[in-house]
Amino acid sequence: EPNVLAGTLIAHTDAVWGLAYSGVKNHLLSCSADGTIRLWNPPEKMPCICTYNGEKGCDPAHMVASFNTGSTVIYDLETSQSVVMLSSQIESSVQSNNHINKVVSHPTLPVTITAHEDRHIKFFDNKTGKMIHSMVAHLDAVTSLAVDPNGIYLMSGSHDCSIRLWNLDSKTCVQEITAHRKKLDESIYDVAFHPSKAYIASAGADALAKVFV
């Protein structure tokens, strides 16, 4: 509604695909189909602090971004330089299989987790850049990931209509929920944990948002 709109940030030249907010400095990160990532300080008159792209060379001073080439890069937000390139041990030559749909950071460990179009979830060590673990996690593309605030469970959503809950220590599936109907071969777009209560939520192509206890 117009009365709740506090402001509009304009800079991207194509669709905005994802947002991440940091409470440390009250900064916002956005990633876009225009191939850039932008760092914002929303209250400022010139809110866009910095722009990152693929060519530029769990810590609040770092961000992690994935590109449609299949590469994942950790950037230092202070220097705007790339710190670590995360690479799979076996890189596919087919770009569609390389496509990363979601990237998340573990809240306490130096670990990055990526969701892939080819049904895989991959885990990377932020310090070495090497892949720790890779697994076929769903029957269709993995579209979304979320880590619970305590860092014990990983939740994944897929176009196979299921949400799966994983034990991060053993990398085993402990629960599966069929959550959304398919629409035009798509199903679940996003999943989330509540920051303090035992709730999870999902958003689907069937135009529904669901909350589970």
N, C-alpha and C. Protein backbone atom coordinates (compact mmCIF):
# COMPACT_ATOMS: atom_id res chain seq x y z
N GLU A 1 0.83 -1.19 0.00
CA GLU A 1 0.00 0.00 0.00
C GLU A 1 0.87 1.25 0.00
N PRO A 2 0.43 2.31 -0.66
CA PRO A 2 1.25 3.52 -0.77
C PRO A 2 1.67 4.11 0.57
N ASN A 3 0.84 3.97 1.61
CA ASN A 3 1.16 4.60 2.90
C ASN A 3 2.29 3.90 3.65
N VAL A 4 2.68 2.68 3.22
CA VAL A 4 3.80 2.01 3.89
C VAL A 4 5.10 2.11 3.09
N LEU A 5 5.05 2.71 1.91
CA LEU A 5 6.25 2.85 1.08
C LEU A 5 7.14 3.96 1.63
N ALA A 6 8.32 3.59 2.10
CA ALA A 6 9.23 4.58 2.70
C ALA A 6 10.19 5.17 1.67
N GLY A 7 10.39 4.48 0.55
CA GLY A 7 11.32 4.99 -0.46
C GLY A 7 11.57 3.95 -1.51
N THR A 8 12.18 4.36 -2.61
CA THR A 8 12.50 3.46 -3.72
C THR A 8 13.96 3.63 -4.09
N LEU A 9 14.66 2.49 -4.22
CA LEU A 9 16.06 2.50 -4.61
C LEU A 9 16.14 2.16 -6.10
N ILE A 10 16.64 3.07 -6.89
CA ILE A 10 16.69 2.88 -8.34
C ILE A 10 18.13 2.91 -8.82
N ALA A 11 18.56 1.86 -9.49
CA ALA A 11 19.89 1.81 -10.10
C ALA A 11 20.02 0.63 -11.05
N HIS A 12 19.40 -0.50 -10.70
CA HIS A 12 19.51 -1.68 -11.56
C HIS A 12 18.78 -1.45 -12.88
N THR A 13 19.30 -2.04 -13.93
CA THR A 13 18.70 -1.87 -15.26
C THR A 13 17.91 -3.10 -15.71
N ASP A 14 17.80 -4.11 -14.82
CA ASP A 14 17.03 -5.31 -15.14
C ASP A 14 16.43 -5.84 -13.84
N ALA A 15 15.76 -6.98 -13.92
CA ALA A 15 15.05 -7.54 -12.77
C ALA A 15 15.97 -7.73 -11.56
N VAL A 16 15.45 -7.42 -10.37
CA VAL A 16 16.17 -7.66 -9.12
C VAL A 16 15.79 -9.04 -8.61
N TRP A 17 16.79 -9.90 -8.43
CA TRP A 17 16.54 -11.31 -8.10
C TRP A 17 16.63 -11.62 -6.61
N GLY A 18 17.43 -10.84 -5.88
CA GLY A 18 17.60 -11.18 -4.47
C GLY A 18 18.06 -10.00 -3.64
N LEU A 19 17.69 -10.03 -2.34
CA LEU A 19 18.09 -9.00 -1.39
C LEU A 19 18.65 -9.66 -0.14
N ALA A 20 19.65 -9.01 0.47
CA ALA A 20 20.19 -9.47 1.75
C ALA A 20 20.44 -8.24 2.61
N TYR A 21 19.96 -8.28 3.85
CA TYR A 21 20.09 -7.13 4.75
C TYR A 21 21.05 -7.45 5.88
N SER A 22 21.95 -6.53 6.18
CA SER A 22 22.88 -6.69 7.28
C SER A 22 22.53 -5.71 8.38
N GLY A 23 22.24 -6.21 9.56
CA GLY A 23 21.90 -5.34 10.69
C GLY A 23 23.10 -4.68 11.32
N VAL A 24 24.32 -5.13 10.94
CA VAL A 24 25.54 -4.58 11.55
C VAL A 24 25.70 -3.10 11.20
N LYS A 25 25.60 -2.78 9.91
CA LYS A 25 25.71 -1.39 9.47
C LYS A 25 24.42 -0.90 8.81
N ASN A 26 23.37 -1.70 8.92
CA ASN A 26 22.09 -1.38 8.28
C ASN A 26 22.24 -1.17 6.78
N HIS A 27 23.04 -2.04 6.17
CA HIS A 27 23.24 -1.99 4.73
C HIS A 27 22.41 -3.05 4.03
N LEU A 28 22.12 -2.82 2.77
CA LEU A 28 21.32 -3.73 1.96
C LEU A 28 22.12 -4.13 0.73
N LEU A 29 22.07 -5.42 0.37
CA LEU A 29 22.69 -5.92 -0.85
C LEU A 29 21.59 -6.36 -1.81
N SER A 30 21.75 -6.03 -3.09
CA SER A 30 20.80 -6.48 -4.10
C SER A 30 21.55 -7.10 -5.26
N CYS A 31 20.97 -8.15 -5.84
CA CYS A 31 21.57 -8.75 -7.04
C CYS A 31 20.54 -8.72 -8.15
N SER A 32 21.03 -8.54 -9.38
CA SER A 32 20.12 -8.27 -10.49
C SER A 32 20.50 -9.03 -11.74
N ALA A 33 19.50 -9.17 -12.63
CA ALA A 33 19.72 -9.77 -13.95
C ALA A 33 20.61 -8.90 -14.82
N ASP A 34 20.90 -7.66 -14.38
CA ASP A 34 21.82 -6.82 -15.17
C ASP A 34 23.28 -7.21 -14.94
N GLY A 35 23.50 -8.26 -14.12
CA GLY A 35 24.86 -8.77 -13.90
C GLY A 35 25.61 -8.08 -12.79
N THR A 36 24.94 -7.23 -12.02
CA THR A 36 25.64 -6.51 -10.95
C THR A 36 25.02 -6.81 -9.60
N ILE A 37 25.85 -6.57 -8.56
CA ILE A 37 25.41 -6.59 -7.17
C ILE A 37 25.64 -5.18 -6.64
N ARG A 38 24.68 -4.64 -5.92
CA ARG A 38 24.84 -3.29 -5.40
C ARG A 38 24.70 -3.29 -3.88
N LEU A 39 25.58 -2.50 -3.24
CA LEU A 39 25.55 -2.31 -1.80
C LEU A 39 24.91 -0.95 -1.51
N TRP A 40 23.88 -0.96 -0.64
CA TRP A 40 23.10 0.25 -0.38
C TRP A 40 23.14 0.66 1.09
N ASN A 41 23.11 1.97 1.32
CA ASN A 41 22.81 2.52 2.64
C ASN A 41 21.52 3.32 2.46
N PRO A 42 20.36 2.68 2.67
CA PRO A 42 19.08 3.25 2.23
C PRO A 42 18.76 4.68 2.69
N PRO A 43 19.11 5.09 3.94
CA PRO A 43 18.71 6.45 4.34
C PRO A 43 19.46 7.59 3.65
N GLU A 44 20.59 7.29 3.02
CA GLU A 44 21.41 8.35 2.42
C GLU A 44 20.75 8.95 1.17
N LYS A 45 21.15 10.16 0.84
CA LYS A 45 20.65 10.81 -0.38
C LYS A 45 21.18 10.10 -1.62
N MET A 46 22.44 9.62 -1.55
CA MET A 46 23.03 8.79 -2.61
C MET A 46 23.18 7.39 -2.03
N PRO A 47 22.10 6.58 -2.06
CA PRO A 47 22.09 5.33 -1.29
C PRO A 47 23.02 4.23 -1.80
N CYS A 48 23.34 4.24 -3.12
CA CYS A 48 24.19 3.16 -3.66
C CYS A 48 25.65 3.42 -3.33
N ILE A 49 26.22 2.58 -2.46
CA ILE A 49 27.59 2.76 -2.00
C ILE A 49 28.58 2.19 -3.00
N CYS A 50 28.26 1.01 -3.54
CA CYS A 50 29.22 0.32 -4.39
C CYS A 50 28.50 -0.63 -5.34
N THR A 51 29.12 -0.88 -6.49
CA THR A 51 28.59 -1.83 -7.47
C THR A 51 29.64 -2.90 -7.75
N TYR A 52 29.21 -4.16 -7.70
CA TYR A 52 30.11 -5.29 -7.96
C TYR A 52 29.65 -5.98 -9.24
N ASN A 53 30.61 -6.58 -9.94
CA ASN A 53 30.24 -7.43 -11.07
C ASN A 53 31.18 -8.63 -11.14
N GLY A 54 30.96 -9.51 -12.10
CA GLY A 54 31.72 -10.76 -12.18
C GLY A 54 33.19 -10.58 -12.46
N GLU A 55 33.59 -9.45 -12.98
CA GLU A 55 34.99 -9.25 -13.34
C GLU A 55 35.83 -8.74 -12.17
N LYS A 56 35.20 -8.10 -11.20
CA LYS A 56 35.94 -7.55 -10.06
C LYS A 56 36.53 -8.67 -9.24
N GLY A 57 37.86 -8.18 -9.17
CA GLY A 57 38.57 -9.09 -8.36
C GLY A 57 37.94 -9.08 -6.81
N CYS A 58 30.08 -15.53 6.52
CA CYS A 58 29.38 -15.47 7.82
C CYS A 58 29.91 -14.31 8.66
N ASP A 59 31.09 -13.60 7.75
CA ASP A 59 31.66 -12.40 8.33
C ASP A 59 30.84 -11.21 7.86
N PRO A 60 30.41 -10.31 8.78
CA PRO A 60 29.62 -9.16 8.32
C PRO A 60 30.37 -8.28 7.32
N ALA A 61 31.70 -8.39 7.28
CA ALA A 61 32.49 -7.59 6.33
C ALA A 61 32.58 -8.27 4.97
N HIS A 62 32.00 -9.45 4.83
CA HIS A 62 32.07 -10.19 3.58
C HIS A 62 30.67 -10.44 3.03
N MET A 63 30.59 -10.62 1.72
CA MET A 63 29.35 -11.09 1.11
C MET A 63 29.71 -12.21 0.15
N VAL A 64 28.74 -13.05 -0.14
CA VAL A 64 28.95 -14.13 -1.09
C VAL A 64 27.92 -13.99 -2.21
N ALA A 65 28.39 -14.16 -3.45
CA ALA A 65 27.51 -14.00 -4.61
C ALA A 65 27.78 -15.12 -5.61
N SER A 66 26.72 -15.54 -6.30
CA SER A 66 26.89 -16.56 -7.34
C SER A 66 26.51 -15.96 -8.68
N PHE A 67 27.11 -16.51 -9.75
CA PHE A 67 26.89 -16.01 -11.10
C PHE A 67 26.41 -17.15 -11.99
N ASN A 68 25.78 -16.79 -13.12
CA ASN A 68 25.19 -17.83 -13.97
C ASN A 68 26.23 -18.66 -14.71
N THR A 69 27.51 -18.34 -14.52
CA THR A 69 28.58 -19.19 -15.05
C THR A 69 28.80 -20.40 -14.15
N GLY A 70 28.16 -20.40 -12.96
CA GLY A 70 28.36 -21.49 -12.02
C GLY A 70 29.40 -21.17 -10.96
N SER A 71 30.03 -20.00 -11.05
CA SER A 71 31.05 -19.64 -10.05
C SER A 71 30.41 -18.90 -8.88
N THR A 72 31.03 -19.05 -7.71
CA THR A 72 30.59 -18.37 -6.50
C THR A 72 31.80 -17.64 -5.93
N VAL A 73 31.61 -16.37 -5.57
CA VAL A 73 32.73 -15.52 -5.14
C VAL A 73 32.40 -14.87 -3.81
N ILE A 74 33.39 -14.85 -2.90
CA ILE A 74 33.26 -14.11 -1.65
C ILE A 74 33.98 -12.78 -1.81
N TYR A 75 33.29 -11.68 -1.53
CA TYR A 75 33.86 -10.34 -1.64
C TYR A 75 34.06 -9.71 -0.26
N ASP A 76 35.10 -8.89 -0.14
CA ASP A 76 35.31 -8.07 1.03
C ASP A 76 34.56 -6.75 0.81
N LEU A 77 33.61 -6.44 1.68
CA LEU A 77 32.78 -5.25 1.49
C LEU A 77 33.55 -3.95 1.74
N GLU A 78 34.65 -4.03 2.50
CA GLU A 78 35.43 -2.82 2.77
C GLU A 78 36.29 -2.44 1.57
N THR A 79 36.94 -3.44 0.96
CA THR A 79 37.86 -3.16 -0.14
C THR A 79 37.23 -3.36 -1.51
N SER A 80 36.05 -4.00 -1.54
CA SER A 80 35.33 -4.32 -2.80
C SER A 80 36.09 -5.32 -3.67
N GLN A 81 37.05 -6.03 -3.08
CA GLN A 81 37.83 -7.01 -3.83
C GLN A 81 37.33 -8.42 -3.55
N SER A 82 37.52 -9.32 -4.52
CA SER A 82 37.18 -10.72 -4.30
C SER A 82 38.22 -11.34 -3.37
N VAL A 83 37.74 -12.16 -2.43
CA VAL A 83 38.62 -12.79 -1.45
C VAL A 83 38.88 -14.24 -1.82
N VAL A 84 37.79 -14.97 -2.11
CA VAL A 84 37.89 -16.41 -2.42
C VAL A 84 36.93 -16.74 -3.55
N MET A 85 37.40 -17.56 -4.48
CA MET A 85 36.53 -18.12 -5.53
C MET A 85 36.21 -19.56 -5.12
N LEU A 86 34.93 -19.87 -4.97
CA LEU A 86 34.51 -21.22 -4.60
C LEU A 86 34.29 -22.02 -5.87
N SER A 87 34.96 -23.15 -5.98
CA SER A 87 34.86 -23.92 -7.22
C SER A 87 34.56 -25.38 -6.94
N SER A 88 33.69 -25.96 -7.76
CA SER A 88 33.37 -27.38 -7.67
C SER A 88 34.55 -28.19 -8.18
N GLN A 89 34.72 -29.39 -7.63
CA GLN A 89 35.81 -30.25 -8.08
C GLN A 89 35.54 -30.76 -9.50
N ILE A 90 34.26 -30.97 -9.80
CA ILE A 90 33.88 -31.41 -11.15
C ILE A 90 32.97 -30.35 -11.74
N GLU A 91 33.49 -29.57 -12.66
CA GLU A 91 32.69 -28.52 -13.29
C GLU A 91 32.00 -29.06 -14.54
N SER A 92 30.72 -28.85 -14.65
CA SER A 92 29.99 -29.30 -15.83
C SER A 92 30.24 -28.35 -16.99
N SER A 93 30.29 -28.90 -18.18
CA SER A 93 30.49 -28.05 -19.36
C SER A 93 29.19 -27.45 -19.85
N VAL A 94 28.07 -27.94 -19.31
CA VAL A 94 26.77 -27.44 -19.72
C VAL A 94 26.35 -26.32 -18.76
N GLN A 95 26.16 -25.12 -19.30
CA GLN A 95 25.89 -23.97 -18.44
C GLN A 95 24.59 -24.12 -17.67
N SER A 96 23.57 -24.73 -18.29
CA SER A 96 22.29 -24.87 -17.59
C SER A 96 22.44 -25.72 -16.33
N ASN A 97 23.33 -26.72 -16.38
CA ASN A 97 23.59 -27.55 -15.22
C ASN A 97 24.39 -26.79 -14.16
N ASN A 98 25.17 -25.80 -14.59
CA ASN A 98 25.97 -25.02 -13.67
C ASN A 98 25.15 -23.99 -12.92
N HIS A 99 23.97 -23.69 -13.41
CA HIS A 99 23.21 -22.55 -12.90
C HIS A 99 22.91 -22.69 -11.41
N ILE A 100 23.24 -21.64 -10.66
CA ILE A 100 23.01 -21.61 -9.22
C ILE A 100 21.78 -20.76 -8.95
N ASN A 101 20.80 -21.35 -8.25
CA ASN A 101 19.56 -20.65 -7.97
C ASN A 101 19.56 -19.92 -6.64
N LYS A 102 20.39 -20.35 -5.71
CA LYS A 102 20.41 -19.73 -4.38
C LYS A 102 21.75 -19.99 -3.72
N VAL A 103 22.24 -19.00 -2.98
CA VAL A 103 23.47 -19.17 -2.20
C VAL A 103 23.23 -18.62 -0.80
N VAL A 104 23.62 -19.39 0.23
CA VAL A 104 23.45 -18.95 1.62
C VAL A 104 24.74 -19.21 2.39
N SER A 105 24.91 -18.46 3.47
CA SER A 105 26.06 -18.63 4.35
C SER A 105 25.61 -19.26 5.66
N HIS A 106 26.47 -20.13 6.21
CA HIS A 106 26.19 -20.71 7.52
C HIS A 106 26.34 -19.59 8.57
N PRO A 107 25.45 -19.53 9.58
CA PRO A 107 25.51 -18.41 10.53
C PRO A 107 26.73 -18.40 11.45
N THR A 108 27.35 -19.56 11.67
CA THR A 108 28.49 -19.59 12.61
C THR A 108 29.76 -20.19 12.02
N LEU A 109 29.64 -21.02 11.00
CA LEU A 109 30.82 -21.67 10.41
C LEU A 109 31.18 -21.00 9.09
N PRO A 110 32.47 -21.05 8.69
CA PRO A 110 32.88 -20.48 7.40
C PRO A 110 32.50 -21.39 6.23
N VAL A 111 31.21 -21.57 6.03
CA VAL A 111 30.69 -22.49 5.02
C VAL A 111 29.66 -21.77 4.15
N THR A 112 29.75 -21.97 2.85
CA THR A 112 28.77 -21.46 1.89
C THR A 112 28.04 -22.64 1.26
N ILE A 113 26.73 -22.51 1.07
CA ILE A 113 25.90 -23.59 0.53
C ILE A 113 25.19 -23.06 -0.71
N THR A 114 25.22 -23.84 -1.79
CA THR A 114 24.61 -23.40 -3.05
C THR A 114 23.56 -24.41 -3.52
N ALA A 115 22.49 -23.88 -4.14
CA ALA A 115 21.41 -24.70 -4.70
C ALA A 115 21.50 -24.64 -6.21
N HIS A 116 21.42 -25.79 -6.87
CA HIS A 116 21.70 -25.86 -8.30
C HIS A 116 20.51 -26.35 -9.13
N GLU A 117 20.50 -25.91 -10.37
CA GLU A 117 19.48 -26.31 -11.33
C GLU A 117 19.53 -27.81 -11.60
N ASP A 118 20.70 -28.42 -11.45
CA ASP A 118 20.85 -29.86 -11.76
C ASP A 118 20.53 -30.75 -10.55
N ARG A 119 19.72 -30.25 -9.60
CA ARG A 119 19.20 -31.00 -8.45
C ARG A 119 20.19 -31.12 -7.29
N HIS A 120 21.38 -30.55 -7.43
CA HIS A 120 22.41 -30.69 -6.39
C HIS A 120 22.35 -29.56 -5.36
N ILE A 121 22.83 -29.88 -4.16
CA ILE A 121 23.21 -28.88 -3.15
C ILE A 121 24.69 -29.11 -2.88
N LYS A 122 25.47 -28.03 -2.87
CA LYS A 122 26.91 -28.13 -2.67
C LYS A 122 27.35 -27.27 -1.49
N PHE A 123 28.36 -27.77 -0.79
CA PHE A 123 28.89 -27.09 0.40
C PHE A 123 30.36 -26.73 0.14
N PHE A 124 30.74 -25.49 0.50
CA PHE A 124 32.10 -25.01 0.25
C PHE A 124 32.73 -24.45 1.51
N ASP A 125 34.06 -24.65 1.61
CA ASP A 125 34.85 -24.06 2.69
C ASP A 125 35.24 -22.64 2.26
N ASN A 126 34.83 -21.63 3.03
CA ASN A 126 35.10 -20.25 2.66
C ASN A 126 36.58 -19.88 2.71
N LYS A 127 37.36 -20.62 3.48
CA LYS A 127 38.77 -20.27 3.63
C LYS A 127 39.61 -20.82 2.49
N THR A 128 39.33 -22.07 2.09
CA THR A 128 40.12 -22.69 1.02
C THR A 128 39.46 -22.55 -0.35
N GLY A 129 38.14 -22.32 -0.38
CA GLY A 129 37.42 -22.25 -1.64
C GLY A 129 37.05 -23.61 -2.20
N LYS A 130 37.39 -24.67 -1.48
CA LYS A 130 37.16 -26.01 -2.00
C LYS A 130 35.79 -26.54 -1.59
N MET A 131 35.26 -27.43 -2.44
CA MET A 131 33.98 -28.05 -2.16
C MET A 131 34.14 -29.11 -1.07
N ILE A 132 33.29 -29.04 -0.05
CA ILE A 132 33.34 -30.00 1.05
C ILE A 132 32.47 -31.21 0.75
N HIS A 133 31.29 -30.93 0.17
CA HIS A 133 30.30 -32.00 -0.03
C HIS A 133 29.36 -31.61 -1.16
N SER A 134 28.90 -32.60 -1.91
CA SER A 134 27.92 -32.39 -2.97
C SER A 134 26.91 -33.53 -2.92
N MET A 135 25.64 -33.20 -3.07
CA MET A 135 24.63 -34.25 -3.02
C MET A 135 23.46 -33.93 -3.93
N VAL A 136 22.88 -34.97 -4.52
CA VAL A 136 21.62 -34.82 -5.26
C VAL A 136 20.54 -34.75 -4.20
N ALA A 137 19.88 -33.59 -4.11
CA ALA A 137 19.00 -33.31 -2.98
C ALA A 137 17.52 -33.41 -3.31
N HIS A 138 17.16 -33.29 -4.61
CA HIS A 138 15.75 -33.28 -5.01
C HIS A 138 15.58 -34.00 -6.33
N LEU A 139 14.32 -34.14 -6.76
CA LEU A 139 14.01 -34.78 -8.04
C LEU A 139 13.95 -33.78 -9.18
N ASP A 140 14.04 -32.48 -8.85
CA ASP A 140 14.02 -31.41 -9.85
C ASP A 140 14.94 -30.30 -9.34
N ALA A 141 14.99 -29.18 -10.05
CA ALA A 141 15.88 -28.07 -9.69
C ALA A 141 15.68 -27.64 -8.23
N VAL A 142 16.80 -27.40 -7.53
CA VAL A 142 16.74 -26.86 -6.18
C VAL A 142 16.68 -25.34 -6.31
N THR A 143 15.59 -24.75 -5.86
CA THR A 143 15.36 -23.33 -6.11
C THR A 143 15.73 -22.44 -4.93
N SER A 144 15.70 -22.99 -3.73
CA SER A 144 15.82 -22.14 -2.55
C SER A 144 16.46 -22.88 -1.39
N LEU A 145 17.12 -22.11 -0.52
CA LEU A 145 17.79 -22.65 0.66
C LEU A 145 17.60 -21.69 1.83
N ALA A 146 17.62 -22.24 3.04
CA ALA A 146 17.65 -21.42 4.25
C ALA A 146 18.32 -22.25 5.35
N VAL A 147 19.13 -21.58 6.18
CA VAL A 147 19.75 -22.24 7.33
C VAL A 147 19.09 -21.70 8.58
N ASP A 148 18.77 -22.59 9.52
CA ASP A 148 18.11 -22.12 10.74
C ASP A 148 19.09 -21.27 11.55
N PRO A 149 18.59 -20.35 12.38
CA PRO A 149 19.47 -19.41 13.08
C PRO A 149 20.54 -20.07 13.95
N ASN A 150 20.30 -21.32 14.38
CA ASN A 150 21.29 -22.02 15.20
C ASN A 150 22.31 -22.79 14.37
N GLY A 151 22.11 -22.84 13.06
CA GLY A 151 23.06 -23.52 12.20
C GLY A 151 23.02 -25.03 12.26
N ILE A 152 21.89 -25.59 12.71
CA ILE A 152 21.77 -27.05 12.84
C ILE A 152 21.10 -27.67 11.62
N TYR A 153 20.10 -26.97 11.07
CA TYR A 153 19.34 -27.51 9.95
C TYR A 153 19.42 -26.63 8.71
N LEU A 154 19.37 -27.30 7.56
CA LEU A 154 19.27 -26.64 6.26
C LEU A 154 17.91 -27.00 5.68
N MET A 155 17.21 -26.03 5.12
CA MET A 155 15.95 -26.29 4.45
C MET A 155 16.10 -25.98 2.97
N SER A 156 15.57 -26.84 2.13
CA SER A 156 15.66 -26.63 0.68
C SER A 156 14.28 -26.76 0.06
N GLY A 157 14.06 -25.98 -1.00
CA GLY A 157 12.82 -26.06 -1.76
C GLY A 157 13.15 -26.38 -3.21
N SER A 158 12.20 -27.01 -3.90
CA SER A 158 12.48 -27.48 -5.25
C SER A 158 11.24 -27.40 -6.13
N HIS A 159 11.45 -27.42 -7.44
CA HIS A 159 10.35 -27.51 -8.39
C HIS A 159 9.72 -28.91 -8.39
N ASP A 160 10.25 -29.84 -7.57
CA ASP A 160 9.59 -31.15 -7.43
C ASP A 160 8.45 -31.09 -6.40
N CYS A 161 8.10 -29.86 -5.95
CA CYS A 161 6.98 -29.58 -5.03
C CYS A 161 7.29 -29.89 -3.57
N SER A 162 8.52 -30.24 -3.24
CA SER A 162 8.82 -30.61 -1.87
C SER A 162 9.75 -29.62 -1.19
N ILE A 163 9.54 -29.53 0.15
CA ILE A 163 10.50 -28.86 1.03
C ILE A 163 11.19 -29.98 1.79
N ARG A 164 12.52 -29.92 1.87
CA ARG A 164 13.26 -30.93 2.62
C ARG A 164 14.09 -30.27 3.71
N LEU A 165 14.08 -30.90 4.87
CA LEU A 165 14.86 -30.44 6.02
C LEU A 165 16.04 -31.38 6.19
N TRP A 166 17.25 -30.80 6.25
CA TRP A 166 18.50 -31.57 6.30
C TRP A 166 19.24 -31.31 7.60
N ASN A 167 19.78 -32.37 8.18
CA ASN A 167 20.71 -32.21 9.30
C ASN A 167 22.06 -31.81 8.70
N LEU A 168 22.56 -30.62 9.08
CA LEU A 168 23.78 -30.11 8.45
C LEU A 168 25.01 -30.92 8.83
N ASP A 169 24.98 -31.54 10.00
CA ASP A 169 26.15 -32.32 10.43
C ASP A 169 26.28 -33.60 9.62
N SER A 170 25.17 -34.34 9.49
CA SER A 170 25.21 -35.64 8.80
C SER A 170 24.86 -35.53 7.32
N LYS A 171 24.33 -34.35 6.89
CA LYS A 171 23.89 -34.13 5.50
C LYS A 171 22.80 -35.11 5.10
N THR A 172 21.95 -35.49 6.06
CA THR A 172 20.85 -36.41 5.78
C THR A 172 19.52 -35.68 5.88
N CYS A 173 18.55 -36.16 5.10
CA CYS A 173 17.21 -35.56 5.09
C CYS A 173 16.43 -36.11 6.28
N VAL A 174 15.91 -35.22 7.13
CA VAL A 174 15.19 -35.65 8.32
C VAL A 174 13.67 -35.42 8.19
N GLN A 175 13.26 -34.61 7.20
CA GLN A 175 11.82 -34.40 7.01
C GLN A 175 11.56 -33.91 5.59
N GLU A 176 10.43 -34.33 5.04
CA GLU A 176 10.01 -33.87 3.71
C GLU A 176 8.55 -33.46 3.76
N ILE A 177 8.25 -32.28 3.18
CA ILE A 177 6.87 -31.78 3.14
C ILE A 177 6.52 -31.48 1.68
N THR A 178 5.40 -32.02 1.21
CA THR A 178 4.88 -31.61 -0.10
C THR A 178 4.08 -30.34 0.11
N ALA A 179 4.56 -29.23 -0.47
CA ALA A 179 4.05 -27.93 -0.05
C ALA A 179 3.21 -27.21 -1.10
N HIS A 180 3.58 -27.26 -2.36
CA HIS A 180 2.91 -26.45 -3.38
C HIS A 180 2.64 -27.26 -4.64
N ARG A 181 1.58 -26.87 -5.35
CA ARG A 181 1.28 -27.50 -6.62
C ARG A 181 2.17 -26.91 -7.71
N LYS A 182 2.35 -27.68 -8.78
CA LYS A 182 3.13 -27.17 -9.91
C LYS A 182 2.29 -26.24 -10.76
N LYS A 183 2.97 -25.23 -11.33
CA LYS A 183 2.35 -24.35 -12.29
C LYS A 183 3.40 -24.01 -13.34
N LEU A 184 3.13 -24.40 -14.59
CA LEU A 184 4.10 -24.20 -15.69
C LEU A 184 5.46 -24.77 -15.35
N ASP A 185 5.46 -26.00 -14.80
CA ASP A 185 6.69 -26.74 -14.45
C ASP A 185 7.49 -26.10 -13.33
N GLU A 186 6.88 -25.16 -12.60
CA GLU A 186 7.57 -24.56 -11.46
C GLU A 186 6.74 -24.79 -10.21
N SER A 187 7.42 -24.80 -9.05
CA SER A 187 6.67 -25.07 -7.82
C SER A 187 7.08 -24.13 -6.68
N ILE A 188 8.20 -24.43 -6.01
CA ILE A 188 8.59 -23.64 -4.83
C ILE A 188 9.66 -22.62 -5.22
N TYR A 189 9.41 -21.36 -4.86
CA TYR A 189 10.33 -20.27 -5.20
C TYR A 189 11.24 -19.90 -4.04
N ASP A 190 10.74 -20.02 -2.80
CA ASP A 190 11.57 -19.58 -1.67
C ASP A 190 11.13 -20.29 -0.40
N VAL A 191 12.09 -20.43 0.54
CA VAL A 191 11.81 -21.00 1.86
C VAL A 191 12.50 -20.13 2.91
N ALA A 192 11.97 -20.16 4.14
CA ALA A 192 12.56 -19.33 5.19
C ALA A 192 12.27 -19.92 6.57
N PHE A 193 13.23 -19.72 7.48
CA PHE A 193 13.04 -20.02 8.90
C PHE A 193 12.66 -18.73 9.63
N HIS A 194 11.79 -18.85 10.64
CA HIS A 194 11.54 -17.71 11.53
C HIS A 194 12.80 -17.50 12.37
N PRO A 195 13.20 -16.25 12.63
CA PRO A 195 14.46 -16.02 13.36
C PRO A 195 14.47 -16.51 14.80
N SER A 196 13.29 -16.67 15.43
CA SER A 196 13.31 -17.10 16.83
C SER A 196 12.27 -18.18 17.18
N LYS A 197 11.21 -18.29 16.39
CA LYS A 197 10.17 -19.28 16.69
C LYS A 197 10.27 -20.49 15.76
N ALA A 198 9.59 -21.57 16.15
CA ALA A 198 9.67 -22.82 15.39
C ALA A 198 8.70 -22.81 14.20
N TYR A 199 8.85 -21.82 13.34
CA TYR A 199 8.03 -21.72 12.13
C TYR A 199 8.92 -21.77 10.91
N ILE A 200 8.41 -22.39 9.84
CA ILE A 200 9.06 -22.29 8.54
C ILE A 200 8.01 -21.81 7.54
N ALA A 201 8.48 -21.24 6.44
CA ALA A 201 7.54 -20.70 5.45
C ALA A 201 8.04 -20.99 4.05
N SER A 202 7.10 -20.99 3.11
CA SER A 202 7.46 -21.22 1.71
C SER A 202 6.58 -20.37 0.81
N ALA A 203 7.10 -20.06 -0.37
CA ALA A 203 6.35 -19.30 -1.37
C ALA A 203 6.38 -20.09 -2.67
N GLY A 204 5.23 -20.21 -3.34
CA GLY A 204 5.15 -21.09 -4.49
C GLY A 204 4.60 -20.46 -5.75
N ALA A 205 4.79 -21.16 -6.86
CA ALA A 205 4.28 -20.72 -8.15
C ALA A 205 2.75 -20.78 -8.21
N ASP A 206 2.14 -21.47 -7.25
CA ASP A 206 0.68 -21.54 -7.19
C ASP A 206 0.07 -20.31 -6.52
N ALA A 207 0.90 -19.26 -6.33
CA ALA A 207 0.48 -17.97 -5.76
C ALA A 207 0.16 -18.06 -4.28
N LEU A 208 0.64 -19.10 -3.60
CA LEU A 208 0.41 -19.24 -2.17
C LEU A 208 1.70 -19.06 -1.38
N ALA A 209 1.56 -18.48 -0.20
CA ALA A 209 2.63 -18.46 0.80
C ALA A 209 2.11 -19.28 1.98
N LYS A 210 2.93 -20.23 2.45
CA LYS A 210 2.47 -21.13 3.52
C LYS A 210 3.42 -21.04 4.71
N VAL A 211 2.85 -21.14 5.91
CA VAL A 211 3.63 -21.17 7.14
C VAL A 211 3.35 -22.50 7.82
N PHE A 212 4.43 -23.19 8.21
CA PHE A 212 4.32 -24.50 8.86
C PHE A 212 4.87 -24.42 10.28
N VAL A 213 4.20 -25.11 11.20
CA VAL A 213 4.65 -25.14 12.60
C VAL A 213 5.43 -26.43 12.84
